Amino acid sequence: MSKIADAFSVRARYLRSAHIERDFNDPSALNGYVVTPEIQRCLNRMAQGLSDKSGQRAWRITGDYGSGKSSFALLLAHLFAGRDGDLPSQLRRSINFSQIKSNRPQLIPVLITGSREPLGIAIVRAGRWNAR
């Protein structure tokens, strides 16, 4: 008699949640990430906001639990830090870099996951982590 688990195959990408501090230096963390047309539009809109003349410098990312917000943040951290070469090859092929690269300044990611602590303490902790 076979088990119900034998009928399903779950990709490793869906076995754990993304964690931006832990996964930023893990090249496999974004394996299987799918850049949808909406994700490409969000990337382009954020890249436009980073141009010198833009006044659009605040964005809100919302979505249901498990919808990919942390993975998107991880993608943004790589792209805007100039570390797109660290991304999986299938992901680099699926992103239209033309607008992103033309407006992108070199940024230093400050990776913080929200918690019940003062924001200032989280920023200091993240700064120390970046200095390593």
Foldseek 3Di string as FASTA:
>chain_A
DDDPVVVDDDDPLPPDDDAQLVCLPPLCNCVPPDCDPVLLVVLLVCLVCLAPPHPPNDDDDDDDPPPCPNVSVSVVQCLLQVNCVSHPPVVVVRHDCPRNVVRHDNDHDQGFDDDPDDPVVRSVVSVVSSVD
